[in-house]
Structures are given as C-alpha cells and as structure tokens.
Amino acid sequence: MESSAPASTPIFQRIKDYLVGEIATGRWKEGDLVPSEQALVRQFGVSRMTVNRAVRELTAEQVLTRRQGSGTYVAPRKYQATLVEIRNIADEVRARGHRHASRLHLLEQAAATEALALQFGLAPGTPLFHSLIVHFENEVPIQLEDRWVNPACAPAYLEQDFASITPNEHLMAVAPLQDASYSLEALGAPREVTDLLGIDGRTPCLVLKRRTTSQGRVASVVTMWHPGHLIQFTGKVG
C-alpha cells in the first residue's frame, strides 16, 4: 500500500512515510527484510536515485539497517540513556511495592496550535492526538500527564485502553525512541491542574516537560505535573 501523503509532499518523503508506516503498524517487525530498492522503484514509479535517498535517510536515522549482499532490514530499537530515564510510571509505582491506577479525563484529536506546531515541526492546524490522564499511587494523585502525540508515529493512539496500559507503554511499543529533550521546573499550578490533582492552589508543583523523537519525527510532547511534596527526581551520570 502506498503512502496517502498529499501530492505536494516530495516523493522521497512519501516513500519514507510508507516505510515508517509499515513498521509503526507492526506489519514489519525488528529484523524483517524490507522490499528491495528495485521493488520500491516499481511500486512508486520513480527513479532508483529517489528510492535510494529515502532508504539512505532512514538508515542514517537508524530506522533501517543495510547488510552488504543481503538487503535492507528493520533496525533493532535503540533506547538512549538520559539523565532522567524514560520509565513507565506504572512500573515505578509497582517497584515501590505500591498500587498504580489511572483516570482518563480526555482523549481527542485536535488541531495543533502555533506553539505545538513549532514543537512538532508541523504546520499549524495539523491534527494531533491529545490525552489528559491522572496517575495514582495507593489512591493518591501523583501525576497529571498532559500529552500530545503525532498520529504519524502512533496512528492507533486514540484506540488504546489507557485504563490497562499507559501512554508510555504504547508509545515505546509503536514508536521506537530515538532522542529526547527535557526541562524541569517548579511552578504554581493553574486551577484546572490543582482540581485534577486534588491539591491546594498554594502547593508548588514539579513540572517535567519532555519531547521525544522517533524515526526522524517528533513523536510526543508531554507536560507532567507533580505535587512538589510527593515527588523526587533522581538520576546519575556515568
């Protein structure tokens, strides 16, 4: 199946989108052989040079890997170690011997504002997925997760049951982590945040903002609000 990208999208990008889409949907898995460049030339009706550029760029982005004399394969997933590890909050809570639960407050498709579009590298108005979830530890709210997701990286995001899995679990499965950037600051929370976390308006929050990249695209932009008296961030270097 060819990419459904707009006709204005460069053909090499359409080929990249097609290849990435087959991986994201699970049709091709880690280690699977992908169609040869000659097969892609026939499928898309373009030059070998155009196909080669798409495959070469995805290889540089570590989405694909080439084996001399064998072909091109779906690359192994690579998880980058960072100062603040990307961990599933449910696993963190259970590791402390406590009970994790979550409550979904919003799951929607919405148009990207100018600020969001800039973070994702997309045009304003581009459809994005949006979720708002409160996470609990032993019935106490410890995190409000306000997440925006690129549909090109996680096309089935809106279909997930976030009572049984977390967004982190789903994204790690369908959008292999390539890169991440963070900011961490102490802020006073707006009314909608204090209401959802059940805290006093004077309670300071630790706010972790994270942007993750997968397969050459920004996959997710998330803001996580934590009651300051209930959370501690740790990390190590080396």
C-alpha atoms as a PDB file:
ATOM      1  CA  MET A   1       0.000   0.000   0.000  1.00  0.00           C
ATOM      2  CA  GLU A   2       1.451   3.378  -0.976  1.00  0.00           C
ATOM      3  CA  SER A   3       1.598   6.436   1.295  1.00  0.00           C
ATOM      4  CA  SER A   4      -1.540   8.613   1.424  1.00  0.00           C
ATOM      5  CA  ALA A   5       0.525  11.804   1.870  1.00  0.00           C
ATOM      6  CA  PRO A   6      -0.601  14.911  -0.026  1.00  0.00           C
ATOM      7  CA  ALA A   7       0.617  15.231  -3.636  1.00  0.00           C
ATOM      8  CA  SER A   8       2.709  18.237  -2.572  1.00  0.00           C
ATOM      9  CA  THR A   9       4.857  16.006  -0.340  1.00  0.00           C
ATOM     10  CA  PRO A  10       8.206  15.200  -2.025  1.00  0.00           C
ATOM     11  CA  ILE A  11       8.183  11.684  -3.410  1.00  0.00           C
ATOM     12  CA  PHE A  12      11.211  10.585  -1.385  1.00  0.00           C
ATOM     13  CA  GLN A  13       9.363  11.668   1.796  1.00  0.00           C
ATOM     14  CA  ARG A  14       6.268   9.740   0.694  1.00  0.00           C
ATOM     15  CA  ILE A  15       8.434   6.636   0.337  1.00  0.00           C
ATOM     16  CA  LYS A  16       9.908   7.257   3.815  1.00  0.00           C
ATOM     17  CA  ASP A  17       6.403   7.712   5.235  1.00  0.00           C
ATOM     18  CA  TYR A  18       5.302   4.445   3.643  1.00  0.00           C
ATOM     19  CA  LEU A  19       8.253   2.502   5.057  1.00  0.00           C
ATOM     20  CA  VAL A  20       7.898   4.028   8.522  1.00  0.00           C
ATOM     21  CA  GLY A  21       4.141   3.403   8.434  1.00  0.00           C
ATOM     22  CA  GLU A  22       4.613  -0.305   7.745  1.00  0.00           C
ATOM     23  CA  ILE A  23       6.914  -0.520  10.781  1.00  0.00           C
ATOM     24  CA  ALA A  24       4.646   1.591  13.019  1.00  0.00           C
ATOM     25  CA  THR A  25       1.606  -0.601  12.284  1.00  0.00           C
ATOM     26  CA  GLY A  26       3.565  -3.759  13.064  1.00  0.00           C
ATOM     27  CA  ARG A  27       3.422  -5.204   9.542  1.00  0.00           C
ATOM     28  CA  TRP A  28       7.211  -5.181   9.529  1.00  0.00           C
ATOM     29  CA  LYS A  29       8.993  -6.023  12.762  1.00  0.00           C
ATOM     30  CA  GLU A  30      12.546  -5.674  14.017  1.00  0.00           C
ATOM     31  CA  GLY A  31      14.857  -7.737  11.804  1.00  0.00           C
ATOM     32  CA  ASP A  32      12.353  -8.117   8.936  1.00  0.00           C
ATOM     33  CA  LEU A  33      13.639  -7.728   5.380  1.00  0.00           C
ATOM     34  CA  VAL A  34      12.054  -4.713   3.650  1.00  0.00           C
ATOM     35  CA  PRO A  35      11.347  -4.527  -0.107  1.00  0.00           C
ATOM     36  CA  SER A  36      14.395  -4.026  -2.296  1.00  0.00           C
ATOM     37  CA  GLU A  37      15.100  -0.651  -3.859  1.00  0.00           C
ATOM     38  CA  GLN A  38      14.168  -2.109  -7.251  1.00  0.00           C
ATOM     39  CA  ALA A  39      10.808  -3.267  -5.879  1.00  0.00           C
ATOM     40  CA  LEU A  40      10.156   0.217  -4.468  1.00  0.00           C
ATOM     41  CA  VAL A  41      11.106   1.742  -7.834  1.00  0.00           C
ATOM     42  CA  ARG A  42       8.397  -0.374  -9.483  1.00  0.00           C
ATOM     43  CA  GLN A  43       5.849   0.270  -6.716  1.00  0.00           C
ATOM     44  CA  PHE A  44       6.187   4.054  -6.746  1.00  0.00           C
ATOM     45  CA  GLY A  45       7.142   4.518 -10.398  1.00  0.00           C
ATOM     46  CA  VAL A  46      10.174   6.668  -9.575  1.00  0.00           C
ATOM     47  CA  SER A  47      13.911   6.643 -10.185  1.00  0.00           C
ATOM     48  CA  ARG A  48      16.356   4.458  -8.292  1.00  0.00           C
ATOM     49  CA  MET A  49      18.026   7.646  -7.035  1.00  0.00           C
ATOM     50  CA  THR A  50      14.809   8.802  -5.335  1.00  0.00           C
ATOM     51  CA  VAL A  51      14.271   5.452  -3.623  1.00  0.00           C
ATOM     52  CA  ASN A  52      17.921   5.335  -2.583  1.00  0.00           C
ATOM     53  CA  ARG A  53      17.614   8.733  -0.892  1.00  0.00           C
ATOM     54  CA  ALA A  54      14.608   7.585   1.164  1.00  0.00           C
ATOM     55  CA  VAL A  55      16.322   4.360   2.230  1.00  0.00           C
ATOM     56  CA  ARG A  56      19.631   6.120   2.901  1.00  0.00           C
ATOM     57  CA  GLU A  57      17.984   8.718   5.167  1.00  0.00           C
ATOM     58  CA  LEU A  58      16.058   6.077   7.135  1.00  0.00           C
ATOM     59  CA  THR A  59      19.300   4.136   7.548  1.00  0.00           C
ATOM     60  CA  ALA A  60      21.027   7.265   8.896  1.00  0.00           C
ATOM     61  CA  GLU A  61      18.072   7.729  11.288  1.00  0.00           C
ATOM     62  CA  GLN A  62      18.572   4.117  12.493  1.00  0.00           C
ATOM     63  CA  VAL A  63      15.103   3.071  11.350  1.00  0.00           C
ATOM     64  CA  LEU A  64      16.582   0.686   8.765  1.00  0.00           C
ATOM     65  CA  THR A  65      19.897  -1.153   8.588  1.00  0.00           C
ATOM     66  CA  ARG A  66      21.701  -2.365   5.479  1.00  0.00           C
ATOM     67  CA  ARG A  67      23.606  -5.652   5.310  1.00  0.00           C
ATOM     68  CA  GLN A  68      26.101  -5.968   2.498  1.00  0.00           C
ATOM     69  CA  GLY A  69      24.983  -8.558  -0.016  1.00  0.00           C
ATOM     70  CA  SER A  70      21.837  -9.379   1.959  1.00  0.00           C
ATOM     71  CA  GLY A  71      19.430  -6.442   1.807  1.00  0.00           C
ATOM     72  CA  THR A  72      17.832  -3.809   3.995  1.00  0.00           C
ATOM     73  CA  TYR A  73      16.158  -4.700   7.281  1.00  0.00           C
ATOM     74  CA  VAL A  74      14.119  -3.063  10.047  1.00  0.00           C
ATOM     75  CA  ALA A  75      16.764  -1.886  12.519  1.00  0.00           C
ATOM     76  CA  PRO A  76      16.900  -3.003  16.162  1.00  0.00           C
ATOM     77  CA  ARG A  77      15.372  -0.480  18.534  1.00  0.00           C
ATOM     78  CA  LYS A  78      17.865   1.722  20.317  1.00  0.00           C
ATOM     79  CA  TYR A  79      16.991   3.368  23.608  1.00  0.00           C
ATOM     80  CA  GLN A  80      19.144   6.338  24.549  1.00  0.00           C
ATOM     81  CA  ALA A  81      20.188   6.652  28.196  1.00  0.00           C
ATOM     82  CA  THR A  82      19.390  10.076  29.610  1.00  0.00           C
ATOM     83  CA  LEU A  83      19.820  11.875  32.911  1.00  0.00           C
ATOM     84  CA  VAL A  84      16.103  11.482  33.582  1.00  0.00           C
ATOM     85  CA  GLU A  85      15.254   7.980  32.399  1.00  0.00           C
ATOM     86  CA  ILE A  86      12.149   7.405  30.311  1.00  0.00           C
ATOM     87  CA  ARG A  87      10.325   4.968  32.547  1.00  0.00           C
ATOM     88  CA  ASN A  88       6.747   3.820  32.722  1.00  0.00           C
ATOM     89  CA  ILE A  89       5.132   5.426  35.777  1.00  0.00           C
ATOM     90  CA  ALA A  90       3.129   2.272  36.476  1.00  0.00           C
ATOM     91  CA  ASP A  91       6.378   0.272  36.717  1.00  0.00           C
ATOM     92  CA  GLU A  92       7.922   2.886  39.019  1.00  0.00           C
ATOM     93  CA  VAL A  93       4.957   2.735  41.403  1.00  0.00           C
ATOM     94  CA  ARG A  94       4.891  -1.065  41.435  1.00  0.00           C
ATOM     95  CA  ALA A  95       8.650  -1.176  42.018  1.00  0.00           C
ATOM     96  CA  ARG A  96       7.984   0.650  45.292  1.00  0.00           C
ATOM     97  CA  GLY A  97       5.514  -2.076  46.234  1.00  0.00           C
ATOM     98  CA  HIS A  98       2.518   0.215  45.758  1.00  0.00           C
ATOM     99  CA  ARG A  99      -0.630   0.149  43.635  1.00  0.00           C
ATOM    100  CA  HIS A 100      -0.849   2.139  40.411  1.00  0.00           C
ATOM    101  CA  ALA A 101      -4.108   3.324  38.899  1.00  0.00           C
ATOM    102  CA  SER A 102      -5.018   5.973  36.357  1.00  0.00           C
ATOM    103  CA  ARG A 103      -8.039   8.015  35.340  1.00  0.00           C
ATOM    104  CA  LEU A 104      -8.532   9.235  31.784  1.00  0.00           C
ATOM    105  CA  HIS A 105     -10.044  12.725  31.603  1.00  0.00           C
ATOM    106  CA  LEU A 106      -9.582  13.492  27.903  1.00  0.00           C
ATOM    107  CA  LEU A 107      -8.748  11.608  24.712  1.00  0.00           C
ATOM    108  CA  GLU A 108      -9.243  13.527  21.486  1.00  0.00           C
ATOM    109  CA  GLN A 109      -7.955  14.659  18.127  1.00  0.00           C
ATOM    110  CA  ALA A 110      -7.301  18.390  17.966  1.00  0.00           C
ATOM    111  CA  ALA A 111      -5.617  20.880  15.670  1.00  0.00           C
ATOM    112  CA  ALA A 112      -2.069  21.947  16.535  1.00  0.00           C
ATOM    113  CA  THR A 113      -1.746  25.485  17.845  1.00  0.00           C
ATOM    114  CA  GLU A 114       1.146  27.574  16.566  1.00  0.00           C
ATOM    115  CA  ALA A 115       3.162  26.736  19.700  1.00  0.00           C
ATOM    116  CA  LEU A 116       2.546  22.996  19.391  1.00  0.00           C
ATOM    117  CA  ALA A 117       3.158  23.039  15.645  1.00  0.00           C
ATOM    118  CA  LEU A 118       6.550  24.633  16.283  1.00  0.00           C
ATOM    119  CA  GLN A 119       7.490  21.883  18.771  1.00  0.00           C
ATOM    120  CA  PHE A 120       6.415  19.113  16.392  1.00  0.00           C
ATOM    121  CA  GLY A 121       7.868  20.748  13.285  1.00  0.00           C
ATOM    122  CA  LEU A 122       4.446  20.680  11.635  1.00  0.00           C
ATOM    123  CA  ALA A 123       2.120  23.255  10.129  1.00  0.00           C
ATOM    124  CA  PRO A 124      -0.380  24.982  12.461  1.00  0.00           C
ATOM    125  CA  GLY A 125      -3.733  23.234  12.285  1.00  0.00           C
ATOM    126  CA  THR A 126      -2.216  19.791  11.662  1.00  0.00           C
ATOM    127  CA  PRO A 127      -4.257  17.117  13.520  1.00  0.00           C
ATOM    128  CA  LEU A 128      -2.643  15.799  16.698  1.00  0.00           C
ATOM    129  CA  PHE A 129      -3.808  13.343  19.356  1.00  0.00           C
ATOM    130  CA  HIS A 130      -4.257  14.650  22.903  1.00  0.00           C
ATOM    131  CA  SER A 131      -4.699  12.827  26.204  1.00  0.00           C
ATOM    132  CA  LEU A 132      -5.084  14.020  29.790  1.00  0.00           C
ATOM    133  CA  ILE A 133      -4.540  11.364  32.473  1.00  0.00           C
ATOM    134  CA  VAL A 134      -4.128  11.444  36.250  1.00  0.00           C
ATOM    135  CA  HIS A 135      -1.899   8.728  37.739  1.00  0.00           C
ATOM    136  CA  PHE A 136      -2.393   7.484  41.300  1.00  0.00           C
ATOM    137  CA  GLU A 137      -0.136   5.757  43.809  1.00  0.00           C
ATOM    138  CA  ASN A 138      -2.132   3.968  46.509  1.00  0.00           C
ATOM    139  CA  GLU A 139      -5.152   6.096  45.530  1.00  0.00           C
ATOM    140  CA  VAL A 140      -3.187   9.367  45.912  1.00  0.00           C
ATOM    141  CA  PRO A 141      -2.828  11.512  42.735  1.00  0.00           C
ATOM    142  CA  ILE A 142       0.888  11.886  41.970  1.00  0.00           C
ATOM    143  CA  GLN A 143       0.971  12.999  38.324  1.00  0.00           C
ATOM    144  CA  LEU A 144      -1.155  14.798  35.754  1.00  0.00           C
ATOM    145  CA  GLU A 145       0.058  13.736  32.304  1.00  0.00           C
ATOM    146  CA  ASP A 146      -0.895  16.188  29.537  1.00  0.00           C
ATOM    147  CA  ARG A 147       0.343  14.566  26.327  1.00  0.00           C
ATOM    148  CA  TRP A 148       0.229  15.474  22.625  1.00  0.00           C
ATOM    149  CA  VAL A 149       1.080  12.765  20.090  1.00  0.00           C
ATOM    150  CA  ASN A 150       1.970  12.791  16.404  1.00  0.00           C
ATOM    151  CA  PRO A 151      -0.529  10.495  14.608  1.00  0.00           C
ATOM    152  CA  ALA A 152       2.143   9.593  12.053  1.00  0.00           C
ATOM    153  CA  CYS A 153       4.117   7.894  14.857  1.00  0.00           C
ATOM    154  CA  ALA A 154       1.208   6.308  16.769  1.00  0.00           C
ATOM    155  CA  PRO A 155      -1.794   6.030  14.429  1.00  0.00           C
ATOM    156  CA  ALA A 156      -3.815   3.851  16.833  1.00  0.00           C
ATOM    157  CA  TYR A 157      -3.283   6.078  19.890  1.00  0.00           C
ATOM    158  CA  LEU A 158      -6.966   7.034  20.244  1.00  0.00           C
ATOM    159  CA  GLU A 159      -7.984   3.364  20.190  1.00  0.00           C
ATOM    160  CA  GLN A 160      -5.976   2.390  23.282  1.00  0.00           C
ATOM    161  CA  ASP A 161      -7.461   1.461  26.652  1.00  0.00           C
ATOM    162  CA  PHE A 162      -5.467   3.707  28.956  1.00  0.00           C
ATOM    163  CA  ALA A 163      -7.044   2.113  31.999  1.00  0.00           C
ATOM    164  CA  SER A 164      -4.966  -1.000  31.299  1.00  0.00           C
ATOM    165  CA  ILE A 165      -1.805   0.465  29.719  1.00  0.00           C
ATOM    166  CA  THR A 166      -0.078   3.822  29.964  1.00  0.00           C
ATOM    167  CA  PRO A 167       0.668   6.120  27.006  1.00  0.00           C
ATOM    168  CA  ASN A 168       4.361   5.483  27.678  1.00  0.00           C
ATOM    169  CA  GLU A 169       3.888   1.725  27.218  1.00  0.00           C
ATOM    170  CA  HIS A 170       2.010   2.181  23.956  1.00  0.00           C
ATOM    171  CA  LEU A 171       4.457   4.692  22.509  1.00  0.00           C
ATOM    172  CA  MET A 172       7.502   2.614  23.414  1.00  0.00           C
ATOM    173  CA  ALA A 173       5.922  -0.301  21.544  1.00  0.00           C
ATOM    174  CA  VAL A 174       4.990   1.540  18.334  1.00  0.00           C
ATOM    175  CA  ALA A 175       7.410   4.489  18.166  1.00  0.00           C
ATOM    176  CA  PRO A 176      10.999   3.374  18.923  1.00  0.00           C
ATOM    177  CA  LEU A 177      12.751   6.072  20.944  1.00  0.00           C
ATOM    178  CA  GLN A 178      15.451   7.924  19.044  1.00  0.00           C
ATOM    179  CA  ASP A 179      16.026  11.065  21.086  1.00  0.00           C
ATOM    180  CA  ALA A 180      14.532  13.058  23.942  1.00  0.00           C
ATOM    181  CA  SER A 181      14.841  16.538  25.436  1.00  0.00           C
ATOM    182  CA  TYR A 182      13.691  17.689  28.881  1.00  0.00           C
ATOM    183  CA  SER A 183      13.066  20.666  31.084  1.00  0.00           C
ATOM    184  CA  LEU A 184      12.259  20.572  34.796  1.00  0.00           C
ATOM    185  CA  GLU A 185      10.978  23.483  36.860  1.00  0.00           C
ATOM    186  CA  ALA A 186       8.963  24.335  39.944  1.00  0.00           C
ATOM    187  CA  LEU A 187       5.703  26.136  39.142  1.00  0.00           C
ATOM    188  CA  GLY A 188       2.477  27.184  40.726  1.00  0.00           C
ATOM    189  CA  ALA A 189      -0.309  25.121  39.173  1.00  0.00           C
ATOM    190  CA  PRO A 190      -3.331  26.618  37.410  1.00  0.00           C
ATOM    191  CA  ARG A 191      -6.807  25.858  38.733  1.00  0.00           C
ATOM    192  CA  GLU A 192      -7.528  23.017  36.295  1.00  0.00           C
ATOM    193  CA  VAL A 193      -4.347  21.234  37.428  1.00  0.00           C
ATOM    194  CA  THR A 194      -4.962  21.667  41.158  1.00  0.00           C
ATOM    195  CA  ASP A 195      -8.526  20.398  40.728  1.00  0.00           C
ATOM    196  CA  LEU A 196      -7.397  17.238  38.936  1.00  0.00           C
ATOM    197  CA  LEU A 197      -4.552  16.559  41.386  1.00  0.00           C
ATOM    198  CA  GLY A 198      -6.681  17.413  44.414  1.00  0.00           C
ATOM    199  CA  ILE A 199      -4.132  19.838  45.846  1.00  0.00           C
ATOM    200  CA  ASP A 200      -4.273  23.298  47.348  1.00  0.00           C
ATOM    201  CA  GLY A 201      -3.618  26.156  44.948  1.00  0.00           C
ATOM    202  CA  ARG A 202      -0.612  27.206  47.026  1.00  0.00           C
ATOM    203  CA  THR A 203       1.103  23.817  46.640  1.00  0.00           C
ATOM    204  CA  PRO A 204       4.110  24.113  44.300  1.00  0.00           C
ATOM    205  CA  CYS A 205       4.436  21.533  41.554  1.00  0.00           C
ATOM    206  CA  LEU A 206       7.453  19.995  39.884  1.00  0.00           C
ATOM    207  CA  VAL A 207       6.780  20.134  36.156  1.00  0.00           C
ATOM    208  CA  LEU A 208       8.647  17.856  33.760  1.00  0.00           C
ATOM    209  CA  LYS A 209       8.323  18.719  30.073  1.00  0.00           C
ATOM    210  CA  ARG A 210       9.610  16.174  27.596  1.00  0.00           C
ATOM    211  CA  ARG A 211       9.757  15.940  23.813  1.00  0.00           C
ATOM    212  CA  THR A 212      10.609  12.576  22.234  1.00  0.00           C
ATOM    213  CA  THR A 213      11.664  11.765  18.688  1.00  0.00           C
ATOM    214  CA  SER A 214      11.091   8.520  16.808  1.00  0.00           C
ATOM    215  CA  GLN A 215      12.044   7.543  13.266  1.00  0.00           C
ATOM    216  CA  GLY A 216      13.053  11.062  12.384  1.00  0.00           C
ATOM    217  CA  ARG A 217       9.875  12.732  13.655  1.00  0.00           C
ATOM    218  CA  VAL A 218       8.790  14.364  16.896  1.00  0.00           C
ATOM    219  CA  ALA A 219       6.529  11.656  18.328  1.00  0.00           C
ATOM    220  CA  SER A 220       5.274  13.159  21.572  1.00  0.00           C
ATOM    221  CA  VAL A 221       5.279  16.366  23.607  1.00  0.00           C
ATOM    222  CA  VAL A 222       4.209  15.874  27.220  1.00  0.00           C
ATOM    223  CA  THR A 223       3.886  18.052  30.317  1.00  0.00           C
ATOM    224  CA  MET A 224       3.775  16.141  33.611  1.00  0.00           C
ATOM    225  CA  TRP A 225       2.624  17.958  36.750  1.00  0.00           C
ATOM    226  CA  HIS A 226       3.622  16.505  40.150  1.00  0.00           C
ATOM    227  CA  PRO A 227       2.701  17.763  43.639  1.00  0.00           C
ATOM    228  CA  GLY A 228       6.056  19.011  44.923  1.00  0.00           C
ATOM    229  CA  HIS A 229       5.757  17.357  48.329  1.00  0.00           C
ATOM    230  CA  LEU A 230       5.113  13.917  46.839  1.00  0.00           C
ATOM    231  CA  ILE A 231       7.783  13.574  44.136  1.00  0.00           C
ATOM    232  CA  GLN A 232      11.550  13.413  43.870  1.00  0.00           C
ATOM    233  CA  PHE A 233      13.505  13.124  40.632  1.00  0.00           C
ATOM    234  CA  THR A 234      16.761  11.207  40.650  1.00  0.00           C
ATOM    235  CA  GLY A 235      19.348  10.433  38.009  1.00  0.00           C
ATOM    236  CA  LYS A 236      23.019   9.667  37.534  1.00  0.00           C
ATOM    237  CA  VAL A 237      25.804  10.436  35.124  1.00  0.00           C
ATOM    238  CA  GLY A 238      28.323   7.792  34.134  1.00  0.00           C
END
